[in-house]
C-alpha atoms as a PDB file:
ATOM      1  CA  MET A   1     -23.924 158.362   7.002  1.00  0.00           C
ATOM      2  CA  PRO A   2     -21.620 156.771   9.652  1.00  0.00           C
ATOM      3  CA  GLU A   3     -18.018 156.157   8.698  1.00  0.00           C
ATOM      4  CA  ARG A   4     -17.334 152.510   7.895  1.00  0.00           C
ATOM      5  CA  ARG A   5     -14.464 151.180   9.966  1.00  0.00           C
ATOM      6  CA  THR A   6     -11.893 148.863   8.468  1.00  0.00           C
ATOM      7  CA  PRO A   7     -11.878 145.673  10.523  1.00  0.00           C
ATOM      8  CA  ARG A   8      -8.722 144.528  12.233  1.00  0.00           C
ATOM      9  CA  ARG A   9      -7.621 141.333  10.492  1.00  0.00           C
ATOM     10  CA  VAL A  10      -6.171 138.688  12.793  1.00  0.00           C
ATOM     11  CA  ALA A  11      -4.396 135.508  11.718  1.00  0.00           C
ATOM     12  CA  SER A  12      -2.906 132.986  14.092  1.00  0.00           C
ATOM     13  CA  VAL A  13      -1.424 129.507  13.987  1.00  0.00           C
ATOM     14  CA  ILE A  14      -0.950 126.477  16.201  1.00  0.00           C
ATOM     15  CA  ARG A  15      -0.146 122.840  15.559  1.00  0.00           C
ATOM     16  CA  LEU A  16      -2.775 120.132  15.593  1.00  0.00           C
ATOM     17  CA  ARG A  17      -1.678 116.967  17.342  1.00  0.00           C
ATOM     18  CA  PRO A  18      -2.158 114.344  14.581  1.00  0.00           C
ATOM     19  CA  GLU A  19      -3.559 111.784  17.006  1.00  0.00           C
ATOM     20  CA  HIS A  20      -6.355 114.261  17.849  1.00  0.00           C
ATOM     21  CA  ALA A  21      -7.206 115.368  14.302  1.00  0.00           C
ATOM     22  CA  ASP A  22     -10.472 113.411  14.100  1.00  0.00           C
ATOM     23  CA  ARG A  23     -11.608 114.671  17.507  1.00  0.00           C
ATOM     24  CA  TYR A  24     -10.785 118.274  16.584  1.00  0.00           C
ATOM     25  CA  ARG A  25     -12.768 118.001  13.345  1.00  0.00           C
ATOM     26  CA  GLU A  26     -15.676 116.453  15.244  1.00  0.00           C
ATOM     27  CA  LEU A  27     -15.688 119.255  17.823  1.00  0.00           C
ATOM     28  CA  HIS A  28     -15.756 121.936  15.136  1.00  0.00           C
ATOM     29  CA  ARG A  29     -18.683 120.355  13.312  1.00  0.00           C
ATOM     30  CA  ALA A  30     -20.827 121.406  16.275  1.00  0.00           C
ATOM     31  CA  VAL A  31     -19.353 124.432  18.070  1.00  0.00           C
ATOM     32  CA  PRO A  32     -21.717 125.213  20.977  1.00  0.00           C
ATOM     33  CA  GLN A  33     -23.980 128.188  20.334  1.00  0.00           C
ATOM     34  CA  PRO A  34     -22.933 129.959  23.572  1.00  0.00           C
ATOM     35  CA  VAL A  35     -19.313 129.937  22.330  1.00  0.00           C
ATOM     36  CA  LEU A  36     -20.396 131.399  18.994  1.00  0.00           C
ATOM     37  CA  ASP A  37     -22.503 134.026  20.779  1.00  0.00           C
ATOM     38  CA  THR A  38     -19.540 135.053  22.939  1.00  0.00           C
ATOM     39  CA  LEU A  39     -17.378 135.527  19.858  1.00  0.00           C
ATOM     40  CA  SER A  40     -20.090 137.611  18.200  1.00  0.00           C
ATOM     41  CA  ARG A  41     -20.499 139.795  21.297  1.00  0.00           C
ATOM     42  CA  ALA A  42     -16.725 140.338  21.184  1.00  0.00           C
ATOM     43  CA  HIS A  43     -17.068 141.788  17.659  1.00  0.00           C
ATOM     44  CA  ILE A  44     -15.425 138.812  15.941  1.00  0.00           C
ATOM     45  CA  THR A  45     -16.667 138.149  12.414  1.00  0.00           C
ATOM     46  CA  ASN A  46     -15.598 136.088   9.405  1.00  0.00           C
ATOM     47  CA  TYR A  47     -13.886 133.558  11.668  1.00  0.00           C
ATOM     48  CA  SER A  48     -12.393 130.543   9.899  1.00  0.00           C
ATOM     49  CA  ILE A  49      -9.955 127.831  10.898  1.00  0.00           C
ATOM     50  CA  PHE A  50      -8.021 125.973   8.194  1.00  0.00           C
ATOM     51  CA  LEU A  51      -5.835 122.870   8.463  1.00  0.00           C
ATOM     52  CA  ARG A  52      -2.755 121.937   6.455  1.00  0.00           C
ATOM     53  CA  ASP A  53      -0.066 119.411   7.385  1.00  0.00           C
ATOM     54  CA  ASP A  54      -0.920 119.412  11.094  1.00  0.00           C
ATOM     55  CA  THR A  55      -0.913 123.224  11.242  1.00  0.00           C
ATOM     56  CA  LEU A  56      -4.090 125.078  12.110  1.00  0.00           C
ATOM     57  CA  PHE A  57      -4.451 128.551  10.637  1.00  0.00           C
ATOM     58  CA  ALA A  58      -7.177 130.823  12.019  1.00  0.00           C
ATOM     59  CA  TYR A  59      -8.416 134.063  10.532  1.00  0.00           C
ATOM     60  CA  TYR A  60     -11.026 136.497  11.811  1.00  0.00           C
ATOM     61  CA  GLU A  61     -11.954 140.117  11.608  1.00  0.00           C
ATOM     62  CA  TYR A  62     -12.417 142.290  14.682  1.00  0.00           C
ATOM     63  CA  THR A  63     -14.848 145.192  14.376  1.00  0.00           C
ATOM     64  CA  GLY A  64     -14.947 146.519  17.950  1.00  0.00           C
ATOM     65  CA  ASP A  65     -13.272 149.435  19.691  1.00  0.00           C
ATOM     66  CA  ASP A  66     -11.346 147.705  22.501  1.00  0.00           C
ATOM     67  CA  TYR A  67      -9.654 144.518  21.329  1.00  0.00           C
ATOM     68  CA  ASP A  68      -7.950 143.731  24.642  1.00  0.00           C
ATOM     69  CA  ALA A  69     -11.170 144.108  26.634  1.00  0.00           C
ATOM     70  CA  ASP A  70     -13.154 142.008  24.171  1.00  0.00           C
ATOM     71  CA  MET A  71     -10.526 139.251  24.165  1.00  0.00           C
ATOM     72  CA  ALA A  72     -10.508 139.302  27.978  1.00  0.00           C
ATOM     73  CA  ALA A  73     -14.298 138.890  27.935  1.00  0.00           C
ATOM     74  CA  VAL A  74     -13.981 135.887  25.638  1.00  0.00           C
ATOM     75  CA  ALA A  75     -11.326 134.358  27.905  1.00  0.00           C
ATOM     76  CA  ALA A  76     -13.506 134.909  30.982  1.00  0.00           C
ATOM     77  CA  ASP A  77     -16.635 133.332  29.498  1.00  0.00           C
ATOM     78  CA  PRO A  78     -17.423 130.016  31.268  1.00  0.00           C
ATOM     79  CA  GLY A  79     -18.763 128.333  28.114  1.00  0.00           C
ATOM     80  CA  THR A  80     -15.681 129.296  26.145  1.00  0.00           C
ATOM     81  CA  ARG A  81     -13.395 128.162  28.955  1.00  0.00           C
ATOM     82  CA  HIS A  82     -15.140 124.765  28.922  1.00  0.00           C
ATOM     83  CA  TRP A  83     -14.800 124.622  25.115  1.00  0.00           C
ATOM     84  CA  TRP A  84     -11.071 125.182  25.501  1.00  0.00           C
ATOM     85  CA  THR A  85     -10.818 122.203  27.898  1.00  0.00           C
ATOM     86  CA  LEU A  86     -12.004 120.116  24.918  1.00  0.00           C
ATOM     87  CA  THR A  87      -9.937 121.753  22.162  1.00  0.00           C
ATOM     88  CA  ASP A  88      -6.673 122.594  23.950  1.00  0.00           C
ATOM     89  CA  PRO A  89      -5.527 118.948  24.323  1.00  0.00           C
ATOM     90  CA  CYS A  90      -5.766 118.650  20.524  1.00  0.00           C
ATOM     91  CA  GLN A  91      -3.340 121.507  19.982  1.00  0.00           C
ATOM     92  CA  GLN A  92       0.384 122.044  20.429  1.00  0.00           C
ATOM     93  CA  PRO A  93       1.837 125.569  20.405  1.00  0.00           C
ATOM     94  CA  LEU A  94       4.557 126.341  17.890  1.00  0.00           C
ATOM     95  CA  ASP A  95       8.140 126.316  19.119  1.00  0.00           C
ATOM     96  CA  SER A  96       8.185 130.114  18.691  1.00  0.00           C
ATOM     97  CA  ALA A  97       5.275 130.614  21.120  1.00  0.00           C
ATOM     98  CA  GLY A  98       6.097 132.437  24.314  1.00  0.00           C
ATOM     99  CA  SER A  99       5.531 131.006  27.761  1.00  0.00           C
ATOM    100  CA  GLY A 100       1.802 130.496  28.275  1.00  0.00           C
ATOM    101  CA  GLU A 101       1.052 131.407  24.654  1.00  0.00           C
ATOM    102  CA  ARG A 102      -1.033 129.027  22.551  1.00  0.00           C
ATOM    103  CA  TRP A 103      -2.204 130.413  19.214  1.00  0.00           C
ATOM    104  CA  VAL A 104       0.431 132.840  17.936  1.00  0.00           C
ATOM    105  CA  ASP A 105      -0.270 135.789  15.662  1.00  0.00           C
ATOM    106  CA  GLY A 106       0.878 135.776  12.090  1.00  0.00           C
ATOM    107  CA  GLU A 107       2.398 138.829  10.463  1.00  0.00           C
ATOM    108  CA  GLU A 108       0.295 140.253   7.657  1.00  0.00           C
ATOM    109  CA  LEU A 109       2.520 140.611   4.606  1.00  0.00           C
ATOM    110  CA  PHE A 110      -0.104 141.300   1.951  1.00  0.00           C
ATOM    111  CA  HIS A 111      -3.768 142.240   1.716  1.00  0.00           C
ATOM    112  CA  LEU A 112      -5.913 142.859  -1.326  1.00  0.00           C
ATOM    113  CA  GLY A 113      -8.835 144.956  -0.103  1.00  0.00           C
END
């Protein structure tokens, strides 16, 4: 029987611009299937985005072998790039984000497996 790999858990945060909250909700009620397919091909599962007090919190699990290559493939996908032209204006990086960084990773402090 093949060994079951523990997925890499990824959490990240960004601010939601309050004036774009309704638009952001609307966009996520109907994420285009090509965007979802790209995420699946990149071994992303259990992807959720939560909202609290104008802060978006995303969580997903990565089950692939080459995270950097898979994330580069997502970033290069034309459908995903178009999706980002719709969602990016709704978001504002945290003050702690580096230059050119949008969603920033959260540090995992606890996990009950």
